[in-house]
C-alpha atoms as a PDB file:
ATOM      1  CA  UNK A   1       3.994  17.252 -56.280  1.00  0.00           C
ATOM      2  CA  UNK A   2       5.009  15.791 -52.889  1.00  0.00           C
ATOM      3  CA  UNK A   3       2.554  14.588 -50.247  1.00  0.00           C
ATOM      4  CA  UNK A   4       2.916  17.102 -47.347  1.00  0.00           C
ATOM      5  CA  UNK A   5       0.507  15.510 -44.835  1.00  0.00           C
ATOM      6  CA  UNK A   6       2.993  13.712 -42.539  1.00  0.00           C
ATOM      7  CA  UNK A   7       5.545  14.665 -39.921  1.00  0.00           C
ATOM      8  CA  UNK A   8       9.236  14.814 -40.741  1.00  0.00           C
ATOM      9  CA  UNK A   9      11.712  12.618 -38.932  1.00  0.00           C
ATOM     10  CA  UNK A  10      13.144  15.619 -37.072  1.00  0.00           C
ATOM     11  CA  UNK A  11       9.682  16.649 -35.825  1.00  0.00           C
ATOM     12  CA  UNK A  12       9.018  13.127 -34.550  1.00  0.00           C
ATOM     13  CA  UNK A  13      12.389  12.987 -32.787  1.00  0.00           C
ATOM     14  CA  UNK A  14      11.711  16.336 -31.089  1.00  0.00           C
ATOM     15  CA  UNK A  15       8.311  15.132 -29.864  1.00  0.00           C
ATOM     16  CA  UNK A  16       9.802  11.865 -28.551  1.00  0.00           C
ATOM     17  CA  UNK A  17      12.581  13.791 -26.803  1.00  0.00           C
ATOM     18  CA  UNK A  18      10.057  16.044 -25.059  1.00  0.00           C
ATOM     19  CA  UNK A  19       7.906  13.088 -23.970  1.00  0.00           C
ATOM     20  CA  UNK A  20      10.963  11.200 -22.690  1.00  0.00           C
ATOM     21  CA  UNK A  21      12.133  14.223 -20.700  1.00  0.00           C
ATOM     22  CA  UNK A  22       8.717  14.631 -19.104  1.00  0.00           C
ATOM     23  CA  UNK A  23       8.617  10.943 -18.164  1.00  0.00           C
ATOM     24  CA  UNK A  24      12.095  11.117 -16.634  1.00  0.00           C
ATOM     25  CA  UNK A  25      10.912  14.005 -14.462  1.00  0.00           C
ATOM     26  CA  UNK A  26       7.571  12.397 -13.570  1.00  0.00           C
ATOM     27  CA  UNK A  27       8.477   8.796 -12.679  1.00  0.00           C
ATOM     28  CA  UNK A  28      10.628   9.521  -9.569  1.00  0.00           C
ATOM     29  CA  UNK A  29       7.810  11.657  -8.150  1.00  0.00           C
ATOM     30  CA  UNK A  30       5.331   8.835  -8.661  1.00  0.00           C
ATOM     31  CA  UNK A  31       7.634   6.366  -6.912  1.00  0.00           C
ATOM     32  CA  UNK A  32       7.941   8.542  -3.811  1.00  0.00           C
ATOM     33  CA  UNK A  33       4.180   9.143  -3.735  1.00  0.00           C
ATOM     34  CA  UNK A  34       3.598   5.388  -3.954  1.00  0.00           C
ATOM     35  CA  UNK A  35       5.481   4.872  -0.670  1.00  0.00           C
ATOM     36  CA  UNK A  36       3.316   7.532   1.010  1.00  0.00           C
ATOM     37  CA  UNK A  37       0.135   5.919  -0.268  1.00  0.00           C
ATOM     38  CA  UNK A  38       1.265   2.475   0.888  1.00  0.00           C
ATOM     39  CA  UNK A  39       2.089   3.860   4.340  1.00  0.00           C
ATOM     40  CA  UNK A  40      -1.302   5.543   4.652  1.00  0.00           C
ATOM     41  CA  UNK A  41      -3.026   2.346   3.522  1.00  0.00           C
ATOM     42  CA  UNK A  42      -1.161   0.342   6.133  1.00  0.00           C
ATOM     43  CA  UNK A  43      -2.132   2.843   8.844  1.00  0.00           C
ATOM     44  CA  UNK A  44      -5.768   2.588   7.712  1.00  0.00           C
ATOM     45  CA  UNK A  45      -5.570  -1.221   7.987  1.00  0.00           C
ATOM     46  CA  UNK A  46      -4.159  -0.823  11.504  1.00  0.00           C
ATOM     47  CA  UNK A  47      -7.063   1.437  12.508  1.00  0.00           C
ATOM     48  CA  UNK A  48      -9.603  -0.982  11.016  1.00  0.00           C
ATOM     49  CA  UNK A  49      -7.953  -3.883  12.849  1.00  0.00           C
ATOM     50  CA  UNK A  50      -8.047  -1.986  16.147  1.00  0.00           C
ATOM     51  CA  UNK A  51     -11.778  -1.413  15.660  1.00  0.00           C
ATOM     52  CA  UNK A  52     -12.383  -5.040  14.749  1.00  0.00           C
ATOM     53  CA  UNK A  53     -10.325  -6.111  17.765  1.00  0.00           C
ATOM     54  CA  UNK A  54     -12.847  -4.319  19.968  1.00  0.00           C
ATOM     55  CA  UNK A  55     -15.669  -6.146  18.159  1.00  0.00           C
ATOM     56  CA  UNK A  56     -13.904  -9.447  18.809  1.00  0.00           C
ATOM     57  CA  UNK A  57     -13.538  -8.617  22.513  1.00  0.00           C
ATOM     58  CA  UNK A  58     -17.241  -7.722  22.710  1.00  0.00           C
ATOM     59  CA  UNK A  59     -18.184 -11.027  21.027  1.00  0.00           C
ATOM     60  CA  UNK A  60     -15.825 -13.374  22.909  1.00  0.00           C
ATOM     61  CA  UNK A  61     -15.061 -11.477  26.129  1.00  0.00           C
ATOM     62  CA  UNK A  62     -11.301 -11.881  25.689  1.00  0.00           C
ATOM     63  CA  UNK A  63      -8.516 -10.775  23.384  1.00  0.00           C
ATOM     64  CA  UNK A  64      -7.453 -13.114  20.567  1.00  0.00           C
ATOM     65  CA  UNK A  65      -4.120 -14.944  20.774  1.00  0.00           C
ATOM     66  CA  UNK A  66      -2.845 -13.159  17.665  1.00  0.00           C
ATOM     67  CA  UNK A  67      -3.941 -10.813  14.908  1.00  0.00           C
ATOM     68  CA  UNK A  68      -4.200 -13.806  12.572  1.00  0.00           C
ATOM     69  CA  UNK A  69      -7.090 -15.026  14.726  1.00  0.00           C
ATOM     70  CA  UNK A  70      -9.028 -11.983  13.534  1.00  0.00           C
ATOM     71  CA  UNK A  71      -8.385 -13.145   9.975  1.00  0.00           C
ATOM     72  CA  UNK A  72      -9.456 -16.705  10.752  1.00  0.00           C
ATOM     73  CA  UNK A  73     -12.682 -15.522  12.401  1.00  0.00           C
ATOM     74  CA  UNK A  74     -13.274 -13.159   9.427  1.00  0.00           C
ATOM     75  CA  UNK A  75     -13.125  -9.914  11.405  1.00  0.00           C
ATOM     76  CA  UNK A  76     -10.525  -8.654   8.905  1.00  0.00           C
ATOM     77  CA  UNK A  77      -9.530  -9.941   5.470  1.00  0.00           C
ATOM     78  CA  UNK A  78      -5.760  -9.796   5.937  1.00  0.00           C
ATOM     79  CA  UNK A  79      -3.144  -8.917   8.550  1.00  0.00           C
ATOM     80  CA  UNK A  80      -0.651  -7.971   5.810  1.00  0.00           C
ATOM     81  CA  UNK A  81      -0.453  -4.529   4.208  1.00  0.00           C
ATOM     82  CA  UNK A  82      -1.293  -4.394   0.514  1.00  0.00           C
ATOM     83  CA  UNK A  83       2.321  -4.199  -0.670  1.00  0.00           C
ATOM     84  CA  UNK A  84       3.217  -7.303   1.379  1.00  0.00           C
ATOM     85  CA  UNK A  85       6.194  -5.626   3.055  1.00  0.00           C
ATOM     86  CA  UNK A  86       4.565  -4.996   6.434  1.00  0.00           C
ATOM     87  CA  UNK A  87       2.102  -6.823   8.631  1.00  0.00           C
ATOM     88  CA  UNK A  88       0.129  -6.261  11.811  1.00  0.00           C
ATOM     89  CA  UNK A  89       0.872  -7.976  15.093  1.00  0.00           C
ATOM     90  CA  UNK A  90       0.465  -7.445  18.821  1.00  0.00           C
ATOM     91  CA  UNK A  91       3.320  -5.648  20.572  1.00  0.00           C
ATOM     92  CA  UNK A  92       5.613  -7.715  22.768  1.00  0.00           C
ATOM     93  CA  UNK A  93       4.631  -5.899  25.993  1.00  0.00           C
ATOM     94  CA  UNK A  94       1.418  -7.927  26.232  1.00  0.00           C
ATOM     95  CA  UNK A  95      -0.988  -4.984  26.367  1.00  0.00           C
ATOM     96  CA  UNK A  96      -2.774  -6.063  23.147  1.00  0.00           C
ATOM     97  CA  UNK A  97      -1.691  -2.985  21.204  1.00  0.00           C
ATOM     98  CA  UNK A  98      -1.507  -3.527  17.453  1.00  0.00           C
ATOM     99  CA  UNK A  99       1.731  -2.478  15.776  1.00  0.00           C
ATOM    100  CA  UNK A 100       3.043  -2.524  12.205  1.00  0.00           C
ATOM    101  CA  UNK A 101       6.203  -4.608  11.666  1.00  0.00           C
ATOM    102  CA  UNK A 102       8.274  -5.741   8.681  1.00  0.00           C
ATOM    103  CA  UNK A 103       6.938  -8.923   7.121  1.00  0.00           C
ATOM    104  CA  UNK A 104       9.596 -11.627   7.300  1.00  0.00           C
ATOM    105  CA  UNK A 105       7.678 -14.194   5.315  1.00  0.00           C
END
């Protein structure tokens, strides 16, 4: 008598085909959601930095020279978004507004 407890090769191939198809459909959706999450995280860092900028102004009576000063004085942990592609800086108009720009370095 044969041992009938295992799967046949055809059954295993069918299961692997189904799993592969599901992964092919799922992975592109995860990649697009990752960009949205990174963008929201960067916006949250911007909001936190704006709040900490006000704390800095209350403590020192003046605006810092750059956003990196807030990092140096430990008001924020980083001026770079978590994916490293964008960072925070003051706008060029000189009104101390924080903007998100591409990280060159």
